[in-house]
């Protein structure tokens, strides 16, 4: 008696080789997808660092500008003191001086302090002018000395110097002898005081 034949394999069961091919394709697709995702996730990292570096440079530049800002020059303030008429010390007849004075302030905030002390400033300048001789004021050097004397007086009134400048009237010089000025000492550097210059906008001796 013959053995019964084995049932033939149905078409629903794919061969093993076909299953392996599908698995390999799936693995390749997954690996490719994962690699692409990793690439796109890692790609922006370098530009971000560049942006951060650029930001750091901008911040550093800004800090540098802020450090330099306080060193910018402050524009000076010009304040008119007034026009003075004073009798000069007699040498060869009566002479008088008419001079218009302005101050150049390197610290503009001193203007209000100057206005508050105005009466004493005017008094000291008038006394100083009346101690001068015509021959002292006839040269450029004499006028510069007067400007320094006025500057010292104003600084004292405003509390910018401790010692009051001394005003002396020089004695008449002998014939042929040069007159020596003995007025207030030259003031200290204006950068420390705030009064840069004393300016004569008009200067007439008659």
N, C-alpha and C. Protein backbone atom coordinates (compact mmCIF):
# COMPACT_ATOMS: atom_id res chain seq x y z
N UNK A 1 0.83 -1.17 0.00
CA UNK A 1 0.00 0.00 0.00
C UNK A 1 0.88 1.24 0.00
N UNK A 2 0.62 2.17 -0.82
CA UNK A 2 1.49 3.35 -0.94
C UNK A 2 1.14 4.38 0.13
N UNK A 3 2.25 5.17 0.59
CA UNK A 3 2.06 6.23 1.60
C UNK A 3 1.35 7.41 0.98
N UNK A 4 0.51 8.09 1.80
CA UNK A 4 -0.18 9.26 1.27
C UNK A 4 0.79 10.39 0.99
N UNK A 5 0.57 11.08 -0.05
CA UNK A 5 1.47 12.21 -0.47
C UNK A 5 1.31 13.37 0.49
N UNK A 6 2.48 14.12 0.75
CA UNK A 6 2.48 15.31 1.64
C UNK A 6 1.76 16.45 0.96
N UNK A 7 1.02 17.19 1.74
CA UNK A 7 0.30 18.31 1.13
C UNK A 7 1.25 19.36 0.59
N UNK A 8 0.95 19.87 -0.53
CA UNK A 8 1.81 20.89 -1.17
C UNK A 8 1.72 22.21 -0.40
N UNK A 9 2.85 22.94 -0.36
CA UNK A 9 2.89 24.25 0.34
C UNK A 9 1.99 25.24 -0.35
N UNK A 10 1.20 25.92 0.44
CA UNK A 10 0.28 26.91 -0.11
C UNK A 10 1.00 28.18 -0.47
N UNK A 11 0.39 28.99 -1.29
CA UNK A 11 1.00 30.25 -1.74
C UNK A 11 1.03 31.32 -0.65
N UNK A 12 0.30 31.10 0.50
CA UNK A 12 0.25 32.12 1.55
C UNK A 12 1.53 32.18 2.35
N UNK A 13 2.38 31.20 2.28
CA UNK A 13 3.60 31.19 3.08
C UNK A 13 4.78 31.53 2.18
N UNK A 14 5.33 32.79 2.32
CA UNK A 14 6.44 33.18 1.45
C UNK A 14 7.70 32.41 1.81
N UNK A 15 8.55 32.23 0.88
CA UNK A 15 9.81 31.54 1.16
C UNK A 15 10.64 32.34 2.15
N UNK A 16 11.56 31.65 2.86
CA UNK A 16 12.40 32.29 3.89
C UNK A 16 13.28 33.36 3.26
N UNK A 17 13.75 33.12 2.06
CA UNK A 17 14.65 34.08 1.43
C UNK A 17 13.94 35.42 1.20
N UNK A 18 12.68 35.35 0.87
CA UNK A 18 11.92 36.57 0.65
C UNK A 18 11.73 37.34 1.94
N UNK A 19 11.48 36.61 3.06
CA UNK A 19 11.35 37.26 4.37
C UNK A 19 12.64 37.97 4.76
N UNK A 20 13.75 37.33 4.53
CA UNK A 20 15.05 37.93 4.89
C UNK A 20 15.29 39.20 4.07
N UNK A 21 14.90 39.18 2.81
CA UNK A 21 15.08 40.35 1.96
C UNK A 21 14.27 41.53 2.47
N UNK A 22 13.03 41.23 2.91
CA UNK A 22 12.18 42.31 3.43
C UNK A 22 12.79 42.88 4.71
N UNK A 23 13.29 42.02 5.57
CA UNK A 23 13.89 42.46 6.83
C UNK A 23 15.11 43.34 6.56
N UNK A 24 15.95 42.93 5.61
CA UNK A 24 17.17 43.70 5.30
C UNK A 24 16.81 45.08 4.76
N UNK A 25 15.79 45.11 3.87
CA UNK A 25 15.37 46.40 3.31
C UNK A 25 14.86 47.32 4.41
N UNK A 26 14.07 46.74 5.34
CA UNK A 26 13.53 47.55 6.45
C UNK A 26 14.64 48.11 7.31
N UNK A 27 15.66 47.27 7.58
CA UNK A 27 16.79 47.73 8.41
C UNK A 27 17.54 48.86 7.72
N UNK A 28 17.77 48.70 6.40
CA UNK A 28 18.48 49.75 5.64
C UNK A 28 17.72 51.07 5.67
N UNK A 29 16.38 50.97 5.48
CA UNK A 29 15.55 52.17 5.50
C UNK A 29 15.62 52.85 6.85
N UNK A 30 15.55 52.08 7.92
CA UNK A 30 15.63 52.64 9.27
C UNK A 30 16.97 53.31 9.53
N UNK A 31 18.03 52.63 9.09
CA UNK A 31 19.37 53.22 9.30
C UNK A 31 19.52 54.51 8.51
N UNK A 32 19.03 54.51 7.27
CA UNK A 32 19.14 55.72 6.45
C UNK A 32 18.35 56.87 7.06
N UNK A 33 17.12 56.54 7.52
CA UNK A 33 16.30 57.57 8.15
C UNK A 33 16.93 58.11 9.43
N UNK A 34 17.46 57.22 10.23
CA UNK A 34 18.12 57.65 11.47
C UNK A 34 19.33 58.50 11.20
N UNK A 35 20.12 58.13 10.19
CA UNK A 35 21.31 58.92 9.85
C UNK A 35 20.94 60.31 9.37
N UNK A 36 19.91 60.39 8.54
CA UNK A 36 19.48 61.70 8.04
C UNK A 36 18.98 62.58 9.17
N UNK A 37 18.21 61.97 10.09
CA UNK A 37 17.70 62.73 11.24
C UNK A 37 18.84 63.24 12.10
N UNK A 38 19.81 62.36 12.33
CA UNK A 38 20.96 62.77 13.14
C UNK A 38 21.73 63.89 12.46
N UNK A 39 21.86 63.85 11.14
CA UNK A 39 22.59 64.88 10.40
C UNK A 39 21.92 66.24 10.54
N UNK A 40 20.58 66.24 10.35
CA UNK A 40 19.86 67.51 10.44
C UNK A 40 19.83 68.06 11.85
N UNK A 41 19.85 67.15 12.84
CA UNK A 41 19.86 67.62 14.23
C UNK A 41 21.21 68.19 14.63
N UNK A 42 22.26 67.65 14.07
CA UNK A 42 23.61 68.10 14.44
C UNK A 42 24.09 69.25 13.59
N UNK A 43 23.53 69.47 12.43
CA UNK A 43 24.02 70.48 11.50
C UNK A 43 23.98 71.90 12.05
N UNK A 44 22.92 72.35 12.75
CA UNK A 44 22.88 73.75 13.21
C UNK A 44 23.87 74.09 14.31
N UNK A 45 24.50 73.06 14.90
CA UNK A 45 25.36 73.32 16.04
C UNK A 45 26.50 74.27 15.70
N UNK A 46 27.11 74.12 14.52
CA UNK A 46 28.25 74.97 14.17
C UNK A 46 27.84 76.42 13.92
N UNK A 47 26.79 76.70 13.14
CA UNK A 47 26.37 78.10 12.96
C UNK A 47 25.97 78.77 14.26
N UNK A 48 25.36 78.00 15.20
CA UNK A 48 24.98 78.58 16.47
C UNK A 48 26.20 79.08 17.20
N UNK A 49 27.27 78.28 17.15
CA UNK A 49 28.50 78.70 17.81
C UNK A 49 29.03 79.97 17.18
N UNK A 50 28.94 80.05 15.85
CA UNK A 50 29.40 81.27 15.18
C UNK A 50 28.56 82.47 15.59
N UNK A 51 27.22 82.26 15.69
CA UNK A 51 26.36 83.35 16.12
C UNK A 51 26.69 83.78 17.53
N UNK A 52 26.96 82.78 18.41
CA UNK A 52 27.32 83.12 19.78
C UNK A 52 28.61 83.89 19.83
N UNK A 53 29.58 83.48 18.97
CA UNK A 53 30.86 84.19 18.94
C UNK A 53 30.67 85.62 18.47
N UNK A 54 29.80 85.78 17.42
CA UNK A 54 29.54 87.13 16.91
C UNK A 54 28.86 87.99 17.97
N UNK A 55 27.90 87.35 18.72
CA UNK A 55 27.24 88.08 19.80
C UNK A 55 28.24 88.50 20.85
N UNK A 56 29.16 87.58 21.18
CA UNK A 56 30.19 87.90 22.18
C UNK A 56 31.06 89.06 21.74
N UNK A 57 31.39 89.09 20.44
CA UNK A 57 32.21 90.19 19.93
C UNK A 57 31.45 91.51 20.01
N UNK A 58 30.12 91.48 19.68
CA UNK A 58 29.33 92.70 19.74
C UNK A 58 29.22 93.21 21.17
N UNK A 59 29.02 92.28 22.13
CA UNK A 59 28.93 92.68 23.54
C UNK A 59 30.23 93.29 24.00
N UNK A 60 31.35 92.62 23.60
CA UNK A 60 32.66 93.14 24.00
C UNK A 60 32.89 94.52 23.42
N UNK A 61 32.47 94.70 22.14
CA UNK A 61 32.64 96.02 21.52
C UNK A 61 31.78 97.05 22.22
N UNK A 62 30.54 96.65 22.60
CA UNK A 62 29.67 97.58 23.32
C UNK A 62 30.25 97.98 24.66
N UNK A 63 30.81 96.98 25.39
CA UNK A 63 31.42 97.29 26.68
C UNK A 63 32.60 98.22 26.49
N UNK A 64 33.37 98.01 25.41
CA UNK A 64 34.52 98.87 25.14
C UNK A 64 34.08 100.30 24.87
N UNK A 65 32.97 100.43 24.12
CA UNK A 65 32.46 101.77 23.82
C UNK A 65 31.99 102.46 25.10
N UNK A 66 31.33 101.67 26.00
CA UNK A 66 30.85 102.25 27.24
C UNK A 66 32.00 102.71 28.11
N UNK A 67 33.11 101.95 28.08
CA UNK A 67 34.27 102.35 28.87
C UNK A 67 34.87 103.64 28.34
N UNK A 68 34.82 103.83 27.01
CA UNK A 68 35.43 105.02 26.42
C UNK A 68 34.50 106.24 26.51
N UNK A 69 33.19 106.00 26.65
CA UNK A 69 32.23 107.10 26.64
C UNK A 69 32.52 108.20 27.66
N UNK A 70 32.87 107.82 28.94
CA UNK A 70 33.09 108.89 29.92
C UNK A 70 34.26 109.80 29.58
N UNK A 71 35.15 109.37 28.67
CA UNK A 71 36.33 110.17 28.33
C UNK A 71 36.04 111.19 27.24
N UNK A 72 34.81 111.22 26.74
CA UNK A 72 34.49 112.19 25.70
C UNK A 72 34.58 113.61 26.27
N UNK A 73 35.09 114.53 25.47
CA UNK A 73 35.30 115.90 25.93
C UNK A 73 33.96 116.59 26.16
N UNK A 74 33.88 117.30 27.29
CA UNK A 74 32.68 118.08 27.61
C UNK A 74 32.85 119.48 27.03
N UNK A 75 31.91 119.97 26.23
CA UNK A 75 32.06 121.31 25.65
C UNK A 75 32.13 122.35 26.74
N UNK A 76 33.02 123.35 26.60
CA UNK A 76 33.16 124.39 27.64
C UNK A 76 31.95 125.31 27.68
N UNK A 77 31.81 125.99 28.80
CA UNK A 77 30.73 126.96 28.99
C UNK A 77 31.35 128.34 29.13
N UNK A 78 30.84 129.32 28.36
CA UNK A 78 31.35 130.68 28.42
C UNK A 78 30.35 131.55 29.20
N UNK A 79 30.86 132.22 30.22
CA UNK A 79 30.00 133.04 31.08
C UNK A 79 30.56 134.46 31.13
N UNK A 80 29.72 135.44 30.82
CA UNK A 80 30.13 136.85 30.89
C UNK A 80 30.08 137.34 32.33
N UNK A 81 31.21 137.90 32.80
CA UNK A 81 31.25 138.46 34.14
C UNK A 81 30.73 139.89 34.13
N UNK A 82 31.07 140.65 33.09
CA UNK A 82 30.60 142.02 33.00
C UNK A 82 31.68 142.94 32.44
N UNK A 83 31.35 144.20 32.32
CA UNK A 83 32.28 145.23 31.86
C UNK A 83 32.69 146.09 33.05
N UNK A 84 34.00 146.25 33.25
CA UNK A 84 34.52 146.96 34.41
C UNK A 84 35.22 148.24 33.97
N UNK A 85 35.04 149.29 34.76
CA UNK A 85 35.76 150.55 34.55
C UNK A 85 36.47 150.87 35.86
N UNK A 86 37.79 150.97 35.81
CA UNK A 86 38.57 151.17 37.03
C UNK A 86 39.65 152.22 36.82
N UNK A 87 39.84 153.08 37.82
CA UNK A 87 40.95 154.03 37.79
C UNK A 87 42.24 153.27 38.09
N UNK A 88 43.25 153.47 37.25
CA UNK A 88 44.54 152.81 37.45
C UNK A 88 45.42 153.65 38.36
N UNK A 89 46.44 153.01 38.91
CA UNK A 89 47.39 153.72 39.77
C UNK A 89 48.07 154.81 38.93
N UNK A 90 48.15 155.99 39.50
CA UNK A 90 48.65 157.13 38.75
C UNK A 90 50.16 157.02 38.48
N UNK A 91 50.51 157.26 37.23
CA UNK A 91 51.92 157.31 36.83
C UNK A 91 52.22 158.66 36.17
N UNK A 92 51.57 158.94 35.09
CA UNK A 92 51.73 160.23 34.38
C UNK A 92 50.36 160.81 34.10
N UNK A 93 49.66 161.16 35.12
CA UNK A 93 48.31 161.66 34.95
C UNK A 93 47.29 160.55 35.22
N UNK A 94 46.04 160.93 35.21
CA UNK A 94 44.96 159.99 35.49
C UNK A 94 44.71 159.10 34.27
N UNK A 95 44.67 157.82 34.52
CA UNK A 95 44.35 156.85 33.46
C UNK A 95 43.31 155.87 34.02
N UNK A 96 42.48 155.39 33.15
CA UNK A 96 41.52 154.38 33.61
C UNK A 96 41.44 153.23 32.61
N UNK A 97 40.97 152.11 33.10
CA UNK A 97 40.85 150.88 32.29
C UNK A 97 39.38 150.52 32.16
N UNK A 98 38.98 150.19 30.94
CA UNK A 98 37.65 149.63 30.70
C UNK A 98 37.84 148.27 30.04
N UNK A 99 37.36 147.23 30.70
CA UNK A 99 37.59 145.88 30.20
C UNK A 99 36.33 145.03 30.37
N UNK A 100 36.00 144.24 29.35
CA UNK A 100 34.89 143.29 29.40
C UNK A 100 35.48 141.89 29.62
N UNK A 101 34.99 141.18 30.61
CA UNK A 101 35.59 139.90 31.01
C UNK A 101 34.57 138.77 30.89
N UNK A 102 35.03 137.67 30.32
CA UNK A 102 34.24 136.43 30.28
C UNK A 102 35.11 135.29 30.82
N UNK A 103 34.45 134.27 31.34
CA UNK A 103 35.15 133.10 31.84
C UNK A 103 34.83 131.89 30.97
N UNK A 104 35.84 131.10 30.69
CA UNK A 104 35.65 129.83 29.99
C UNK A 104 35.71 128.72 31.04
N UNK A 105 34.57 128.05 31.27
CA UNK A 105 34.48 127.01 32.29
C UNK A 105 34.61 125.64 31.66
N UNK A 106 35.57 124.85 32.14
CA UNK A 106 35.69 123.47 31.66
C UNK A 106 34.73 122.55 32.40
N UNK A 107 34.14 123.05 33.49
CA UNK A 107 33.11 122.32 34.23
C UNK A 107 31.85 123.19 34.23
N UNK A 108 30.95 122.96 33.28
CA UNK A 108 29.76 123.83 33.13
C UNK A 108 28.92 123.95 34.39
N UNK A 109 28.96 122.93 35.26
CA UNK A 109 28.13 122.98 36.47
C UNK A 109 28.55 124.10 37.42
N UNK A 110 29.74 124.71 37.19
CA UNK A 110 30.20 125.80 38.05
C UNK A 110 29.47 127.12 37.77
N UNK A 111 28.70 127.18 36.69
CA UNK A 111 28.03 128.44 36.34
C UNK A 111 27.09 128.89 37.45
N UNK A 112 26.31 127.97 38.00
CA UNK A 112 25.37 128.35 39.06
C UNK A 112 26.12 128.81 40.31
N UNK A 113 27.22 128.16 40.61
CA UNK A 113 28.02 128.56 41.77
C UNK A 113 28.62 129.95 41.55
N UNK A 114 29.00 130.23 40.31
CA UNK A 114 29.56 131.54 39.99
C UNK A 114 28.50 132.63 40.15
N UNK A 115 27.28 132.37 39.71
CA UNK A 115 26.20 133.35 39.85
C UNK A 115 25.89 133.62 41.31
N UNK A 116 25.94 132.58 42.13
CA UNK A 116 25.64 132.74 43.55
C UNK A 116 26.70 133.59 44.26
N UNK A 117 27.93 133.57 43.74
CA UNK A 117 29.03 134.32 44.36
C UNK A 117 29.33 135.62 43.62
N UNK A 118 28.44 136.05 42.73
CA UNK A 118 28.73 137.17 41.84
C UNK A 118 29.15 138.47 42.55
N UNK A 119 28.47 138.91 43.63
CA UNK A 119 28.89 140.17 44.27
C UNK A 119 30.34 140.15 44.74
N UNK A 120 30.76 139.07 45.37
CA UNK A 120 32.15 139.00 45.85
C UNK A 120 33.13 138.91 44.69
N UNK A 121 32.74 138.22 43.62
CA UNK A 121 33.60 138.13 42.44
C UNK A 121 33.83 139.52 41.86
N UNK A 122 32.76 140.30 41.71
CA UNK A 122 32.87 141.65 41.15
C UNK A 122 33.75 142.54 42.04
N UNK A 123 33.56 142.42 43.34
CA UNK A 123 34.35 143.23 44.28
C UNK A 123 35.84 142.93 44.14
N UNK A 124 36.19 141.68 44.14
CA UNK A 124 37.61 141.31 44.09
C UNK A 124 38.24 141.71 42.75
N UNK A 125 37.49 141.58 41.67
CA UNK A 125 38.03 141.99 40.36
C UNK A 125 38.23 143.50 40.32
N UNK A 126 37.28 144.27 40.86
CA UNK A 126 37.42 145.72 40.88
C UNK A 126 38.64 146.15 41.70
N UNK A 127 38.82 145.54 42.85
CA UNK A 127 39.98 145.87 43.69
C UNK A 127 41.29 145.53 42.98
N UNK A 128 41.28 144.41 42.28
CA UNK A 128 42.50 144.00 41.56
C UNK A 128 42.82 144.98 40.44
N UNK A 129 41.81 145.38 39.68
CA UNK A 129 42.04 146.29 38.55
C UNK A 129 42.57 147.64 39.03
N UNK A 130 42.07 148.13 40.15
CA UNK A 130 42.49 149.42 40.65
C UNK A 130 43.90 149.40 41.25
N UNK A 131 44.46 148.20 41.41
CA UNK A 131 45.82 148.09 41.93
C UNK A 131 46.86 148.08 40.80
N UNK A 132 46.40 148.10 39.58
CA UNK A 132 47.31 148.00 38.43
C UNK A 132 47.76 149.38 37.94
N UNK A 133 48.93 149.39 37.33
CA UNK A 133 49.47 150.60 36.71
C UNK A 133 49.33 150.49 35.18
N UNK A 134 49.16 151.58 34.50
CA UNK A 134 49.05 151.54 33.03
C UNK A 134 50.23 150.83 32.38
N UNK A 135 51.44 151.06 32.89
CA UNK A 135 52.62 150.44 32.28
C UNK A 135 52.60 148.92 32.43
N UNK A 136 51.95 148.41 33.47
CA UNK A 136 51.87 146.95 33.67
C UNK A 136 50.98 146.30 32.62
N UNK A 137 49.99 147.04 32.14
CA UNK A 137 48.98 146.47 31.24
C UNK A 137 49.23 146.82 29.78
N UNK A 138 50.35 147.45 29.49
CA UNK A 138 50.62 147.88 28.11
C UNK A 138 51.17 146.77 27.24
N UNK A 139 51.61 145.66 27.84
CA UNK A 139 52.19 144.56 27.07
C UNK A 139 51.27 143.33 27.11
N UNK A 140 51.52 142.41 26.19
CA UNK A 140 50.74 141.15 26.17
C UNK A 140 51.01 140.36 27.44
N UNK A 141 52.27 140.34 27.87
CA UNK A 141 52.61 139.61 29.09
C UNK A 141 51.87 140.19 30.29
N UNK A 142 51.75 141.53 30.34
CA UNK A 142 51.03 142.17 31.44
C UNK A 142 49.56 141.81 31.45
N UNK A 143 48.97 141.74 30.27
CA UNK A 143 47.55 141.37 30.18
C UNK A 143 47.35 139.91 30.59
N UNK A 144 48.27 139.04 30.19
CA UNK A 144 48.18 137.63 30.59
C UNK A 144 48.31 137.49 32.11
N UNK A 145 49.18 138.31 32.69
CA UNK A 145 49.33 138.29 34.15
C UNK A 145 48.05 138.73 34.83
N UNK A 146 47.40 139.74 34.28
CA UNK A 146 46.13 140.20 34.83
C UNK A 146 45.07 139.09 34.74
N UNK A 147 45.03 138.40 33.61
CA UNK A 147 44.07 137.31 33.45
C UNK A 147 44.31 136.22 34.49
N UNK A 148 45.57 135.89 34.76
CA UNK A 148 45.89 134.89 35.78
C UNK A 148 45.50 135.37 37.17
N UNK A 149 45.71 136.65 37.44
CA UNK A 149 45.33 137.21 38.74
C UNK A 149 43.82 137.14 38.95
N UNK A 150 43.06 137.49 37.91
CA UNK A 150 41.60 137.43 37.99
C UNK A 150 41.15 135.99 38.21
N UNK A 151 41.76 135.08 37.48
CA UNK A 151 41.41 133.65 37.60
C UNK A 151 41.61 133.16 39.03
N UNK A 152 42.73 133.57 39.64
CA UNK A 152 43.02 133.15 41.02
C UNK A 152 41.97 133.71 41.98
N UNK A 153 41.57 134.97 41.78
CA UNK A 153 40.57 135.58 42.65
C UNK A 153 39.22 134.86 42.54
N UNK A 154 38.81 134.54 41.32
CA UNK A 154 37.52 133.86 41.12
C UNK A 154 37.56 132.46 41.71
N UNK A 155 38.65 131.76 41.52
CA UNK A 155 38.79 130.42 42.09
C UNK A 155 38.67 130.45 43.61
N UNK A 156 39.25 131.47 44.22
CA UNK A 156 39.18 131.56 45.69
C UNK A 156 37.73 131.81 46.14
N UNK A 157 37.05 132.72 45.48
CA UNK A 157 35.67 133.03 45.85
C UNK A 157 34.78 131.80 45.72
N UNK A 158 35.03 130.98 44.71
CA UNK A 158 34.20 129.81 44.46
C UNK A 158 34.65 128.59 45.25
N UNK A 159 35.65 128.76 46.09
CA UNK A 159 36.10 127.65 46.92
C UNK A 159 36.96 126.64 46.20
N UNK A 160 37.56 127.04 45.07
CA UNK A 160 38.39 126.12 44.30
C UNK A 160 39.86 126.18 44.70
N UNK A 161 40.19 127.12 45.57
CA UNK A 161 41.53 127.18 46.13
C UNK A 161 41.42 127.68 47.57
N UNK A 162 42.35 127.24 48.40
CA UNK A 162 42.25 127.51 49.84
C UNK A 162 42.83 128.87 50.23
N UNK A 163 43.89 129.28 49.57
CA UNK A 163 44.58 130.51 49.96
C UNK A 163 44.09 131.69 49.14
N UNK A 164 43.77 132.78 49.84
CA UNK A 164 43.32 133.99 49.14
C UNK A 164 44.51 134.66 48.46
N UNK A 165 44.42 134.94 47.16
CA UNK A 165 45.51 135.64 46.47
C UNK A 165 45.68 137.05 47.03
N UNK A 166 46.93 137.46 47.19
CA UNK A 166 47.23 138.78 47.75
C UNK A 166 47.28 139.80 46.62
N UNK A 167 46.66 140.96 46.85
CA UNK A 167 46.68 142.04 45.88
C UNK A 167 47.55 143.16 46.44
N UNK A 168 48.62 143.50 45.71
CA UNK A 168 49.52 144.58 46.15
C UNK A 168 49.64 145.61 45.03
N UNK A 169 49.79 146.85 45.44
CA UNK A 169 50.06 147.91 44.48
C UNK A 169 51.57 148.11 44.39
N UNK A 170 52.10 147.97 43.21
CA UNK A 170 53.55 148.12 43.05
C UNK A 170 53.96 149.58 43.16
N UNK A 171 55.13 149.77 43.68
CA UNK A 171 55.66 151.13 43.81
C UNK A 171 56.13 151.64 42.45
N UNK A 172 56.05 152.95 42.23
CA UNK A 172 56.52 153.50 40.95
C UNK A 172 57.98 153.16 40.73
N UNK A 173 58.31 152.81 39.50
CA UNK A 173 59.69 152.46 39.19
C UNK A 173 60.50 153.72 38.96
N UNK A 174 61.78 153.62 39.32
CA UNK A 174 62.68 154.74 39.05
C UNK A 174 62.85 154.89 37.55
N UNK A 175 63.32 156.05 37.13
CA UNK A 175 63.46 156.32 35.70
C UNK A 175 64.39 155.28 35.06
N UNK A 176 63.91 154.65 34.00
CA UNK A 176 64.70 153.64 33.30
C UNK A 176 64.61 152.26 33.92
N UNK A 177 63.88 152.13 35.00
CA UNK A 177 63.75 150.83 35.68
C UNK A 177 62.41 150.20 35.29
N UNK A 178 62.43 148.89 35.09
CA UNK A 178 61.21 148.19 34.68
C UNK A 178 60.31 147.95 35.88
N UNK A 179 59.04 148.15 35.68
CA UNK A 179 58.07 147.92 36.76
C UNK A 179 57.84 146.43 36.92
N UNK A 180 57.94 145.93 38.15
CA UNK A 180 57.73 144.52 38.44
C UNK A 180 56.35 144.32 39.05
N UNK A 181 55.63 143.37 38.54
CA UNK A 181 54.29 143.09 39.08
C UNK A 181 54.41 142.17 40.28
N UNK A 182 53.61 142.46 41.34
CA UNK A 182 53.64 141.65 42.55
C UNK A 182 52.23 141.21 42.93
N UNK A 183 51.42 140.98 41.93
CA UNK A 183 50.04 140.60 42.21
C UNK A 183 49.92 139.11 42.48
N UNK A 184 48.69 138.66 42.45
CA UNK A 184 48.42 137.27 42.84
C UNK A 184 49.24 136.29 42.04
N UNK A 185 49.57 135.19 42.71
CA UNK A 185 50.34 134.14 42.05
C UNK A 185 49.53 133.48 40.96
N UNK A 186 50.23 132.85 40.01
CA UNK A 186 49.53 132.18 38.91
C UNK A 186 48.68 131.05 39.46
N UNK A 187 47.46 130.89 38.96
CA UNK A 187 46.58 129.83 39.46
C UNK A 187 47.05 128.46 39.02
N UNK A 188 46.49 127.46 39.68
CA UNK A 188 46.85 126.09 39.34
C UNK A 188 46.20 125.69 38.03
N UNK A 189 46.57 124.48 37.55
CA UNK A 189 46.08 124.01 36.26
C UNK A 189 44.55 123.99 36.23
N UNK A 190 43.98 124.50 35.13
CA UNK A 190 42.53 124.60 35.05
C UNK A 190 41.85 123.24 35.03
N UNK A 191 42.56 122.19 34.61
CA UNK A 191 41.95 120.87 34.55
C UNK A 191 41.54 120.39 35.94
N UNK A 192 42.19 120.91 36.97
CA UNK A 192 41.86 120.52 38.33
C UNK A 192 40.83 121.46 38.95
N UNK A 193 40.69 122.66 38.40
CA UNK A 193 39.84 123.67 39.01
C UNK A 193 38.50 123.82 38.32
N UNK A 194 38.48 123.82 37.02
CA UNK A 194 37.22 124.01 36.28
C UNK A 194 37.13 125.32 35.55
N UNK A 195 37.98 126.32 35.91
CA UNK A 195 38.02 127.58 35.18
C UNK A 195 39.19 127.50 34.20
N UNK A 196 38.87 127.38 32.92
CA UNK A 196 39.92 127.17 31.92
C UNK A 196 40.68 128.45 31.62
N UNK A 197 39.94 129.54 31.35
CA UNK A 197 40.59 130.79 30.95
C UNK A 197 39.76 131.99 31.36
N UNK A 198 40.46 133.12 31.51
CA UNK A 198 39.82 134.42 31.65
C UNK A 198 40.02 135.13 30.31
N UNK A 199 38.93 135.55 29.72
CA UNK A 199 38.97 136.15 28.37
C UNK A 199 38.60 137.63 28.44
N UNK A 200 39.40 138.46 27.77
CA UNK A 200 39.11 139.88 27.65
C UNK A 200 38.46 140.12 26.29
N UNK A 201 37.17 140.35 26.26
CA UNK A 201 36.48 140.61 24.99
C UNK A 201 36.58 142.06 24.58
N UNK A 202 37.02 142.92 25.50
CA UNK A 202 37.30 144.32 25.22
C UNK A 202 38.33 144.79 26.24
N UNK A 203 39.30 145.58 25.79
CA UNK A 203 40.35 146.03 26.71
C UNK A 203 40.82 147.42 26.25
N UNK A 204 40.44 148.47 27.00
CA UNK A 204 40.74 149.85 26.63
C UNK A 204 41.38 150.58 27.81
N UNK A 205 42.52 151.20 27.55
CA UNK A 205 43.16 152.06 28.55
C UNK A 205 43.13 153.49 28.03
N UNK A 206 42.61 154.40 28.81
CA UNK A 206 42.53 155.80 28.40
C UNK A 206 43.07 156.71 29.51
